[in-house]
Amino acid sequence: MIEREVDIHTSDGEMKTFIFHPEHEGPHPVVLYLMDAPSIRPALKDMASRLATAGYYVMLPYLFYRGGPFREFGMSDEDMHARRDLMAGVTPTNIIGDAHALLATAAADPAARGGKVGVVGFCMSGGLSLALAKALPDRVAAAASIHGAWMVRDASDSPHLGLRAVQAEVYLGWADNDATAPPEQLAVVRSELDAGGVRYAFDFYTDAVHGYAPPGTERYNRAASEQHWERVHSLLRRNL
């Protein structure tokens, strides 16, 4: 397994990105693996590496780069406040420029295959996966939102709007009792997907909470997390 980090230039600064892919039998399909609110940490890198072992070129960008250089966050009140401020700089609009920069970097790497790509987002980036599926319909063939947050918001770039543009197959992993994505929002998103004729599947968990997929916290739910792996692998295999 190849693991490396690069600094990718965007119109807003330098975006550190961690890249994972197999050593052999490339080039490999590209998957943009978008971090959750706790940011990039060993657990998320391990998840990106696990996905890459299945034969993908996985790009894990540090989306808080607009607020300063890469750093890992702890669970202190200070770090939690810092993350909250940085999250404001990650939007369904500016993720599009980030994606163009990521894909340009991949295009210059012989280990990365051109053509259709996948996007997997967690928590704050669940909606970003839909945003990219809308903005890049000719490139994004598979989009997964895992316990996505703020999928329906009062903004013109809300993830649930404009889904008629989506050509990708979509997967939604939704947890009950999630203050960032209450169950009624799932109905709104599904209605928009249906209206747009989008192929999609979803799981609704009553025994898991927001943050169930990444290991290492009390929110981790092994059964739900392993099912998300099955769903993501199946989604990517069908479409990439």
Protein backbone atom coordinates (compact mmCIF):
# COMPACT_ATOMS: atom_id res chain seq x y z
CA MET A 1 0.00 0.00 0.00
CA ILE A 2 1.25 3.44 -0.97
CA GLU A 3 0.52 6.18 1.56
CA ARG A 4 1.72 9.71 0.96
CA GLU A 5 0.75 13.32 1.52
CA VAL A 6 0.75 16.23 -0.88
CA ASP A 7 -0.07 19.92 -0.69
CA ILE A 8 -2.59 20.80 -3.38
CA HIS A 9 -2.92 24.41 -4.50
CA THR A 10 -6.45 25.84 -4.68
CA SER A 11 -7.70 29.38 -5.15
CA ASP A 12 -8.02 29.60 -1.35
CA GLY A 13 -4.66 28.20 -0.29
CA GLU A 14 -2.73 24.96 0.12
CA MET A 15 -4.87 21.92 0.91
CA LYS A 16 -2.93 19.06 2.49
CA THR A 17 -4.20 15.78 1.13
CA PHE A 18 -3.44 12.21 2.13
CA ILE A 19 -3.39 9.70 -0.73
CA PHE A 20 -3.72 5.94 -0.45
CA HIS A 21 -3.59 3.36 -3.23
CA PRO A 22 -2.32 -0.17 -3.92
CA GLU A 23 1.23 -0.64 -5.18
CA HIS A 24 0.22 -2.91 -8.06
CA GLU A 25 -2.34 -3.39 -10.83
CA GLY A 26 -3.13 0.29 -11.37
CA PRO A 27 -4.32 2.69 -12.46
CA HIS A 28 -7.07 2.70 -9.85
CA PRO A 29 -10.45 4.49 -9.79
CA VAL A 30 -10.41 7.71 -7.79
CA VAL A 31 -12.49 8.11 -4.65
CA LEU A 32 -12.69 11.47 -2.85
CA TYR A 33 -12.91 10.61 0.84
CA LEU A 34 -14.20 13.65 2.69
CA MET A 35 -13.45 14.12 6.37
CA ASP A 36 -15.99 14.57 9.13
CA ALA A 37 -16.13 17.39 11.68
CA PRO A 38 -13.50 15.85 14.05
CA SER A 39 -11.09 16.23 11.10
CA ILE A 40 -8.33 13.93 9.84
CA ARG A 41 -6.98 11.59 12.51
CA PRO A 42 -5.50 8.08 12.61
CA ALA A 43 -8.93 6.41 12.60
CA LEU A 44 -9.99 8.23 9.41
CA LYS A 45 -6.65 7.50 7.73
CA ASP A 46 -7.12 3.84 8.59
CA MET A 47 -10.56 3.92 6.97
CA ALA A 48 -9.16 5.54 3.82
CA SER A 49 -6.43 2.90 3.70
CA ARG A 50 -8.96 0.10 4.18
CA LEU A 51 -10.92 1.38 1.20
CA ALA A 52 -7.79 1.71 -0.91
CA THR A 53 -6.87 -1.94 -0.34
CA ALA A 54 -9.95 -2.85 -2.38
CA GLY A 55 -8.31 -1.26 -5.42
CA TYR A 56 -9.02 2.46 -5.22
CA TYR A 57 -7.01 5.67 -5.37
CA VAL A 58 -8.32 7.35 -2.24
CA MET A 59 -7.81 11.08 -1.63
CA LEU A 60 -8.42 12.40 1.90
CA PRO A 61 -8.18 16.22 1.87
CA TYR A 62 -7.88 18.47 4.92
CA LEU A 63 -10.96 20.61 4.35
CA PHE A 64 -10.17 23.08 7.15
CA TYR A 65 -7.18 24.45 5.23
CA ARG A 66 -8.83 27.83 4.72
CA GLY A 67 -8.44 28.43 8.44
CA GLY A 68 -4.78 27.49 8.70
CA PRO A 69 -2.27 24.66 8.19
CA PHE A 70 -3.04 21.02 8.92
CA ARG A 71 -3.42 19.98 12.52
CA GLU A 72 -4.97 17.13 14.43
CA PHE A 73 -7.62 17.99 16.99
CA GLY A 74 -8.25 16.62 20.44
CA MET A 75 -11.43 16.65 22.49
CA SER A 76 -10.67 19.70 24.63
CA ASP A 77 -13.15 22.58 24.75
CA GLU A 78 -10.59 24.74 22.97
CA ASP A 79 -10.25 22.26 20.11
CA MET A 80 -13.99 21.82 19.85
CA HIS A 81 -14.51 25.58 19.55
CA ALA A 82 -11.73 25.80 16.96
CA ARG A 83 -13.33 23.08 14.86
CA ARG A 84 -16.69 24.79 15.03
CA ASP A 85 -15.21 27.99 13.64
CA LEU A 86 -13.35 26.12 10.89
CA MET A 87 -16.45 24.24 9.80
CA ALA A 88 -17.95 27.51 8.61
CA GLY A 89 -15.31 27.57 5.87
CA VAL A 90 -16.45 24.26 4.40
CA THR A 91 -19.52 24.70 2.20
CA PRO A 92 -21.35 22.93 -0.63
CA THR A 93 -20.15 25.74 -2.89
CA ASN A 94 -16.43 25.88 -2.17
CA ILE A 95 -16.06 22.09 -2.10
CA ILE A 96 -16.49 22.23 -5.88
CA GLY A 97 -13.23 24.14 -6.38
CA ASP A 98 -11.52 21.76 -3.97
CA ALA A 99 -12.73 18.80 -6.02
CA HIS A 100 -11.42 20.29 -9.26
CA ALA A 101 -7.99 20.72 -7.64
CA LEU A 102 -8.04 17.15 -6.30
CA LEU A 103 -9.01 15.67 -9.64
CA ALA A 104 -6.35 17.70 -11.44
CA THR A 105 -3.75 16.26 -9.07
CA ALA A 106 -5.05 12.74 -9.66
CA ALA A 107 -4.96 13.28 -13.43
CA ALA A 108 -1.22 13.87 -13.21
CA ASP A 109 -0.59 10.63 -11.30
CA PRO A 110 -0.22 7.43 -13.35
CA ALA A 111 -1.57 5.44 -10.40
CA ALA A 112 -4.95 7.17 -10.72
CA ARG A 113 -7.44 6.15 -13.39
CA GLY A 114 -9.30 8.83 -15.32
CA GLY A 115 -13.02 8.85 -15.92
CA LYS A 116 -15.73 8.24 -13.36
CA VAL A 117 -15.02 8.86 -9.68
CA GLY A 118 -16.69 8.21 -6.35
CA VAL A 119 -17.27 10.48 -3.37
CA VAL A 120 -17.78 9.36 0.22
CA GLY A 121 -18.61 11.91 2.92
CA PHE A 122 -19.16 11.67 6.65
CA CYS A 123 -20.99 14.01 9.03
CA MET A 124 -20.48 17.58 7.74
CA SER A 125 -19.27 16.23 4.40
CA GLY A 126 -22.22 13.93 3.75
CA GLY A 127 -24.00 16.77 2.03
CA LEU A 128 -20.80 17.68 0.22
CA SER A 129 -20.90 14.33 -1.57
CA LEU A 130 -24.31 15.26 -2.97
CA ALA A 131 -23.06 18.74 -3.84
CA LEU A 132 -20.28 17.23 -5.95
CA ALA A 133 -22.64 14.76 -7.59
CA LYS A 134 -24.76 17.75 -8.66
CA ALA A 135 -21.86 19.93 -9.76
CA LEU A 136 -19.86 17.23 -11.57
CA PRO A 137 -22.46 14.87 -13.04
CA ASP A 138 -20.12 13.76 -15.83
CA ARG A 139 -17.44 12.67 -13.33
CA VAL A 140 -19.17 11.56 -10.13
CA ALA A 141 -20.74 8.14 -10.65
CA ALA A 142 -21.17 7.15 -7.00
CA ALA A 143 -21.88 9.32 -3.96
CA ALA A 144 -22.30 8.17 -0.37
CA SER A 145 -23.40 10.22 2.64
CA ILE A 146 -22.67 8.48 5.93
CA HIS A 147 -24.54 10.02 8.89
CA GLY A 148 -24.57 13.25 6.90
CA ALA A 149 -25.29 16.48 8.76
CA TRP A 150 -27.28 19.54 7.68
CA MET A 151 -28.51 17.87 4.50
CA VAL A 152 -31.47 20.26 4.40
CA ARG A 153 -30.60 23.85 5.17
CA ASP A 154 -32.01 27.30 4.45
CA ALA A 155 -29.51 28.20 1.76
CA SER A 156 -29.42 28.22 -2.02
CA ASP A 157 -26.65 25.61 -2.03
CA SER A 158 -28.39 23.21 0.36
CA PRO A 159 -27.46 19.62 -0.52
CA HIS A 160 -31.09 18.61 -1.04
CA LEU A 161 -31.70 21.18 -3.80
CA GLY A 162 -31.09 20.62 -7.50
CA LEU A 163 -30.80 16.84 -7.31
CA ARG A 164 -32.23 16.48 -10.82
CA ALA A 165 -28.69 17.15 -12.05
CA VAL A 166 -27.32 14.03 -10.34
CA GLN A 167 -26.28 11.16 -12.62
CA ALA A 168 -24.56 9.20 -9.86
CA GLU A 169 -25.99 6.39 -7.79
CA VAL A 170 -26.45 7.62 -4.21
CA TYR A 171 -26.33 5.91 -0.83
CA LEU A 172 -27.56 7.48 2.42
CA GLY A 173 -26.73 6.10 5.85
CA TRP A 174 -29.05 7.84 8.33
CA ALA A 175 -29.15 7.59 12.12
CA ASP A 176 -32.22 8.20 14.23
CA ASN A 177 -32.08 10.77 17.04
CA ASP A 178 -29.57 12.88 15.09
CA ALA A 179 -29.96 16.57 15.87
CA THR A 180 -27.97 17.49 12.75
CA ALA A 181 -30.23 15.42 10.48
CA PRO A 182 -33.66 14.69 12.00
CA PRO A 183 -35.76 11.93 10.40
CA GLU A 184 -38.10 14.38 8.67
CA GLN A 185 -35.12 15.62 6.64
CA LEU A 186 -34.59 12.12 5.29
CA ALA A 187 -38.12 12.30 3.87
CA VAL A 188 -37.27 15.65 2.23
CA VAL A 189 -34.06 14.33 0.67
CA ARG A 190 -35.74 11.14 -0.54
CA SER A 191 -38.57 13.17 -2.08
CA GLU A 192 -36.06 15.28 -4.01
CA LEU A 193 -34.12 12.19 -5.13
CA ASP A 194 -37.34 10.56 -6.31
CA ALA A 195 -38.39 13.71 -8.16
CA GLY A 196 -35.03 13.80 -9.90
CA GLY A 197 -35.15 10.14 -10.89
CA VAL A 198 -31.92 9.46 -9.00
CA ARG A 199 -30.92 5.87 -8.25
CA TYR A 200 -30.39 5.56 -4.53
CA ALA A 201 -30.54 3.33 -1.47
CA PHE A 202 -30.65 4.20 2.20
CA ASP A 203 -30.40 2.66 5.65
CA PHE A 204 -32.14 4.16 8.66
CA TYR A 205 -30.67 3.09 11.99
CA THR A 206 -32.71 3.23 15.18
CA ASP A 207 -29.94 1.59 17.22
CA ALA A 208 -27.03 3.77 16.07
CA VAL A 209 -26.29 7.46 16.50
CA HIS A 210 -24.58 10.19 14.53
CA GLY A 211 -20.92 9.28 14.13
CA TYR A 212 -21.49 5.53 14.07
CA ALA A 213 -19.00 4.72 11.29
CA PRO A 214 -15.49 5.79 12.43
CA PRO A 215 -14.05 3.69 15.27
CA GLY A 216 -12.47 5.16 18.35
CA THR A 217 -15.35 6.95 20.08
CA GLU A 218 -18.36 5.93 22.14
CA ARG A 219 -20.55 6.69 19.11
CA TYR A 220 -19.01 3.88 17.08
CA ASN A 221 -21.52 1.13 16.31
CA ARG A 222 -19.78 -1.90 14.85
CA ALA A 223 -22.85 -3.39 13.15
CA ALA A 224 -23.86 -0.13 11.50
CA SER A 225 -20.27 0.68 10.57
CA GLU A 226 -19.68 -2.69 8.94
CA GLN A 227 -22.92 -2.34 7.01
CA HIS A 228 -21.75 1.06 5.76
CA TRP A 229 -18.61 -0.68 4.46
CA GLU A 230 -20.73 -3.24 2.62
CA ARG A 231 -22.86 -0.51 1.11
CA VAL A 232 -19.92 1.65 0.03
CA HIS A 233 -18.01 -1.26 -1.52
CA SER A 234 -21.12 -2.39 -3.40
CA LEU A 235 -21.86 1.15 -4.60
CA LEU A 236 -18.32 1.73 -5.88
CA ARG A 237 -18.04 -1.72 -7.44
CA ARG A 238 -21.22 -1.22 -9.47
CA ASN A 239 -20.35 2.24 -10.71
CA LEU A 240 -16.55 2.50 -10.97
